[in-house]
Amino acid sequence: MEKYNKFRLEWDCRRGMLELDKVIMPFFQQHFDALDEQQKATFVRLLAATDLQLFSWFFNRKPAPDLELQQMVSYIQEKLSS
């Protein structure tokens, strides 16, 4: 039994902004399964943020409010730019 409901997570990856859809969904589809449990928990927590918060964090307008979230944002940016 999986700890995370992948169908629910995939649904939560769908955002109201096209820019976020082009960042979050590809990362989820390509890299989520390879994350360790702590990273998965942080990613799930990241999905709870609003679109405006995510947009600010991903497009470098302001840092995420805690180190774990900021590290996940940076990790996603790194994975998608390589």
N, C-alpha and C. Protein backbone atom coordinates (compact mmCIF):
# COMPACT_ATOMS: atom_id res chain seq x y z
N MET A 1 0.84 -1.19 0.00
CA MET A 1 0.00 0.00 0.00
C MET A 1 0.88 1.25 0.00
N GLU A 2 0.59 2.16 -0.88
CA GLU A 2 1.37 3.39 -0.98
C GLU A 2 0.95 4.39 0.10
N LYS A 3 1.94 5.10 0.61
CA LYS A 3 1.65 6.12 1.62
C LYS A 3 0.96 7.32 0.99
N TYR A 4 1.29 7.60 -0.26
CA TYR A 4 0.73 8.77 -0.95
C TYR A 4 -0.22 8.31 -2.05
N ASN A 5 -1.37 8.92 -2.11
CA ASN A 5 -2.32 8.63 -3.17
C ASN A 5 -1.88 9.40 -4.41
N LYS A 6 -1.31 8.68 -5.35
CA LYS A 6 -0.73 9.35 -6.53
C LYS A 6 -1.78 10.03 -7.40
N PHE A 7 -2.99 9.49 -7.43
CA PHE A 7 -4.05 10.15 -8.19
C PHE A 7 -4.40 11.49 -7.56
N ARG A 8 -4.46 11.53 -6.24
CA ARG A 8 -4.76 12.78 -5.54
C ARG A 8 -3.61 13.78 -5.73
N LEU A 9 -2.39 13.30 -5.63
CA LEU A 9 -1.24 14.19 -5.82
C LEU A 9 -1.21 14.75 -7.24
N GLU A 10 -1.49 13.90 -8.21
CA GLU A 10 -1.51 14.39 -9.59
C GLU A 10 -2.58 15.48 -9.76
N TRP A 11 -3.72 15.28 -9.13
CA TRP A 11 -4.77 16.29 -9.18
C TRP A 11 -4.30 17.59 -8.52
N ASP A 12 -3.63 17.47 -7.38
CA ASP A 12 -3.14 18.65 -6.66
C ASP A 12 -2.03 19.37 -7.42
N CYS A 13 -1.35 18.67 -8.30
CA CYS A 13 -0.30 19.30 -9.12
C CYS A 13 -0.88 20.21 -10.19
N ARG A 14 -2.13 20.01 -10.53
CA ARG A 14 -2.80 20.86 -11.52
C ARG A 14 -3.13 22.19 -10.86
N ARG A 15 -2.57 23.24 -11.39
CA ARG A 15 -2.71 24.56 -10.79
C ARG A 15 -3.54 25.46 -11.69
N GLY A 16 -3.87 26.61 -11.19
CA GLY A 16 -4.66 27.57 -11.95
C GLY A 16 -3.83 28.45 -12.86
N MET A 17 -2.51 28.31 -12.80
CA MET A 17 -1.62 29.12 -13.63
C MET A 17 -0.82 28.21 -14.55
N LEU A 18 -0.81 28.52 -15.81
CA LEU A 18 -0.08 27.72 -16.79
C LEU A 18 1.40 27.63 -16.44
N GLU A 19 1.98 28.72 -15.95
CA GLU A 19 3.41 28.72 -15.60
C GLU A 19 3.71 27.67 -14.53
N LEU A 20 2.81 27.54 -13.57
CA LEU A 20 3.01 26.54 -12.51
C LEU A 20 2.78 25.13 -13.03
N ASP A 21 1.80 24.98 -13.92
CA ASP A 21 1.56 23.66 -14.51
C ASP A 21 2.79 23.16 -15.26
N LYS A 22 3.53 24.04 -15.86
CA LYS A 22 4.72 23.67 -16.62
C LYS A 22 5.92 23.36 -15.73
N VAL A 23 5.80 23.64 -14.44
CA VAL A 23 6.87 23.35 -13.49
C VAL A 23 6.50 22.15 -12.63
N ILE A 24 5.36 22.20 -12.00
CA ILE A 24 5.02 21.21 -10.98
C ILE A 24 4.65 19.85 -11.56
N MET A 25 3.80 19.82 -12.58
CA MET A 25 3.37 18.53 -13.14
C MET A 25 4.53 17.73 -13.74
N PRO A 26 5.38 18.35 -14.57
CA PRO A 26 6.50 17.56 -15.10
C PRO A 26 7.42 17.01 -14.00
N PHE A 27 7.66 17.82 -12.98
CA PHE A 27 8.49 17.34 -11.88
C PHE A 27 7.83 16.14 -11.21
N PHE A 28 6.56 16.24 -10.92
CA PHE A 28 5.84 15.13 -10.29
C PHE A 28 5.93 13.87 -11.15
N GLN A 29 5.65 14.00 -12.42
CA GLN A 29 5.63 12.84 -13.31
C GLN A 29 7.01 12.20 -13.48
N GLN A 30 8.05 13.01 -13.50
CA GLN A 30 9.39 12.50 -13.79
C GLN A 30 10.22 12.17 -12.56
N HIS A 31 9.97 12.83 -11.43
CA HIS A 31 10.90 12.72 -10.32
C HIS A 31 10.30 12.32 -8.96
N PHE A 32 8.99 12.38 -8.80
CA PHE A 32 8.40 12.14 -7.49
C PHE A 32 8.78 10.77 -6.92
N ASP A 33 8.70 9.73 -7.73
CA ASP A 33 8.97 8.38 -7.25
C ASP A 33 10.40 8.21 -6.74
N ALA A 34 11.33 9.01 -7.22
CA ALA A 34 12.73 8.89 -6.82
C ALA A 34 13.05 9.67 -5.53
N LEU A 35 12.10 10.47 -5.06
CA LEU A 35 12.33 11.24 -3.84
C LEU A 35 12.34 10.33 -2.61
N ASP A 36 13.11 10.72 -1.59
CA ASP A 36 13.03 9.97 -0.33
C ASP A 36 11.76 10.41 0.42
N GLU A 37 11.46 9.73 1.52
CA GLU A 37 10.20 10.00 2.23
C GLU A 37 10.10 11.45 2.73
N GLN A 38 11.19 12.00 3.21
CA GLN A 38 11.18 13.39 3.70
C GLN A 38 10.91 14.35 2.54
N GLN A 39 11.54 14.11 1.41
CA GLN A 39 11.32 14.97 0.24
C GLN A 39 9.88 14.85 -0.26
N LYS A 40 9.34 13.65 -0.24
CA LYS A 40 7.94 13.47 -0.66
C LYS A 40 7.01 14.25 0.26
N ALA A 41 7.26 14.18 1.57
CA ALA A 41 6.43 14.91 2.52
C ALA A 41 6.53 16.42 2.29
N THR A 42 7.73 16.89 1.98
CA THR A 42 7.92 18.31 1.70
C THR A 42 7.21 18.71 0.41
N PHE A 43 7.28 17.87 -0.60
CA PHE A 43 6.58 18.15 -1.86
C PHE A 43 5.08 18.24 -1.63
N VAL A 44 4.53 17.32 -0.85
CA VAL A 44 3.09 17.35 -0.55
C VAL A 44 2.74 18.63 0.19
N ARG A 45 3.59 19.04 1.11
CA ARG A 45 3.38 20.29 1.83
C ARG A 45 3.45 21.48 0.89
N LEU A 46 4.34 21.42 -0.08
CA LEU A 46 4.47 22.48 -1.08
C LEU A 46 3.16 22.63 -1.87
N LEU A 47 2.52 21.51 -2.18
CA LEU A 47 1.28 21.55 -2.95
C LEU A 47 0.14 22.22 -2.20
N ALA A 48 0.26 22.33 -0.89
CA ALA A 48 -0.78 22.98 -0.09
C ALA A 48 -0.72 24.50 -0.19
N ALA A 49 0.35 25.03 -0.75
CA ALA A 49 0.50 26.49 -0.91
C ALA A 49 -0.44 26.99 -2.01
N THR A 50 -0.75 28.26 -1.95
CA THR A 50 -1.60 28.86 -2.98
C THR A 50 -0.80 29.05 -4.26
N ASP A 51 -1.50 29.24 -5.35
CA ASP A 51 -0.83 29.51 -6.62
C ASP A 51 0.03 30.77 -6.55
N LEU A 52 -0.46 31.80 -5.89
CA LEU A 52 0.32 33.04 -5.78
C LEU A 52 1.60 32.83 -4.99
N GLN A 53 1.53 32.04 -3.92
CA GLN A 53 2.74 31.74 -3.16
C GLN A 53 3.73 30.95 -4.02
N LEU A 54 3.24 29.92 -4.68
CA LEU A 54 4.11 29.10 -5.53
C LEU A 54 4.74 29.92 -6.64
N PHE A 55 3.95 30.77 -7.26
CA PHE A 55 4.47 31.62 -8.33
C PHE A 55 5.61 32.49 -7.80
N SER A 56 5.42 33.08 -6.63
CA SER A 56 6.47 33.91 -6.04
C SER A 56 7.73 33.10 -5.76
N TRP A 57 7.57 31.90 -5.24
CA TRP A 57 8.74 31.09 -4.91
C TRP A 57 9.46 30.59 -6.15
N PHE A 58 8.72 30.11 -7.14
CA PHE A 58 9.35 29.52 -8.31
C PHE A 58 9.94 30.55 -9.27
N PHE A 59 9.37 31.69 -9.26
CA PHE A 59 9.86 32.70 -10.21
C PHE A 59 10.66 33.78 -9.48
N ASN A 60 11.23 33.39 -8.34
CA ASN A 60 12.23 34.14 -7.60
C ASN A 60 11.81 35.53 -7.16
N ARG A 61 10.57 35.66 -6.87
CA ARG A 61 10.12 36.96 -6.34
C ARG A 61 10.36 37.03 -4.83
N LYS A 62 10.22 35.90 -4.15
CA LYS A 62 10.55 35.86 -2.73
C LYS A 62 10.79 34.41 -2.33
N PRO A 63 11.57 34.18 -1.27
CA PRO A 63 11.86 32.81 -0.85
C PRO A 63 10.67 32.18 -0.11
N ALA A 64 10.64 30.88 -0.12
CA ALA A 64 9.64 30.14 0.65
C ALA A 64 9.85 30.42 2.14
N PRO A 65 8.80 30.28 2.95
CA PRO A 65 8.88 30.67 4.36
C PRO A 65 9.75 29.79 5.25
N ASP A 66 10.08 28.58 4.80
CA ASP A 66 10.98 27.77 5.61
C ASP A 66 12.00 27.05 4.73
N LEU A 67 13.06 26.61 5.35
CA LEU A 67 14.19 26.04 4.62
C LEU A 67 13.82 24.82 3.80
N GLU A 68 13.01 23.91 4.36
CA GLU A 68 12.63 22.70 3.63
C GLU A 68 11.88 23.03 2.34
N LEU A 69 10.93 23.94 2.43
CA LEU A 69 10.18 24.33 1.23
C LEU A 69 11.09 25.00 0.22
N GLN A 70 11.98 25.87 0.69
CA GLN A 70 12.88 26.55 -0.24
C GLN A 70 13.83 25.55 -0.91
N GLN A 71 14.29 24.57 -0.15
CA GLN A 71 15.15 23.54 -0.74
C GLN A 71 14.39 22.74 -1.80
N MET A 72 13.13 22.46 -1.56
CA MET A 72 12.33 21.72 -2.55
C MET A 72 12.12 22.57 -3.80
N VAL A 73 11.83 23.85 -3.63
CA VAL A 73 11.67 24.75 -4.78
C VAL A 73 12.96 24.75 -5.59
N SER A 74 14.09 24.90 -4.94
CA SER A 74 15.39 24.92 -5.63
C SER A 74 15.66 23.58 -6.31
N TYR A 75 15.32 22.49 -5.66
CA TYR A 75 15.52 21.16 -6.23
C TYR A 75 14.69 20.98 -7.50
N ILE A 76 13.44 21.40 -7.44
CA ILE A 76 12.57 21.30 -8.62
C ILE A 76 13.12 22.15 -9.75
N GLN A 77 13.52 23.36 -9.45
CA GLN A 77 14.10 24.24 -10.49
C GLN A 77 15.34 23.60 -11.11
N GLU A 78 16.17 23.02 -10.27
CA GLU A 78 17.40 22.39 -10.75
C GLU A 78 17.09 21.20 -11.66
N LYS A 79 16.17 20.34 -11.22
CA LYS A 79 15.83 19.15 -12.00
C LYS A 79 15.22 19.49 -13.36
N LEU A 80 14.42 20.54 -13.38
CA LEU A 80 13.74 20.88 -14.63
C LEU A 80 14.62 21.70 -15.58
N SER A 81 15.69 22.27 -15.05
CA SER A 81 16.57 23.05 -15.93
C SER A 81 17.70 22.19 -16.51
N SER A 82 17.85 20.96 -15.99
CA SER A 82 18.92 20.11 -16.50
C SER A 82 18.44 19.16 -17.58
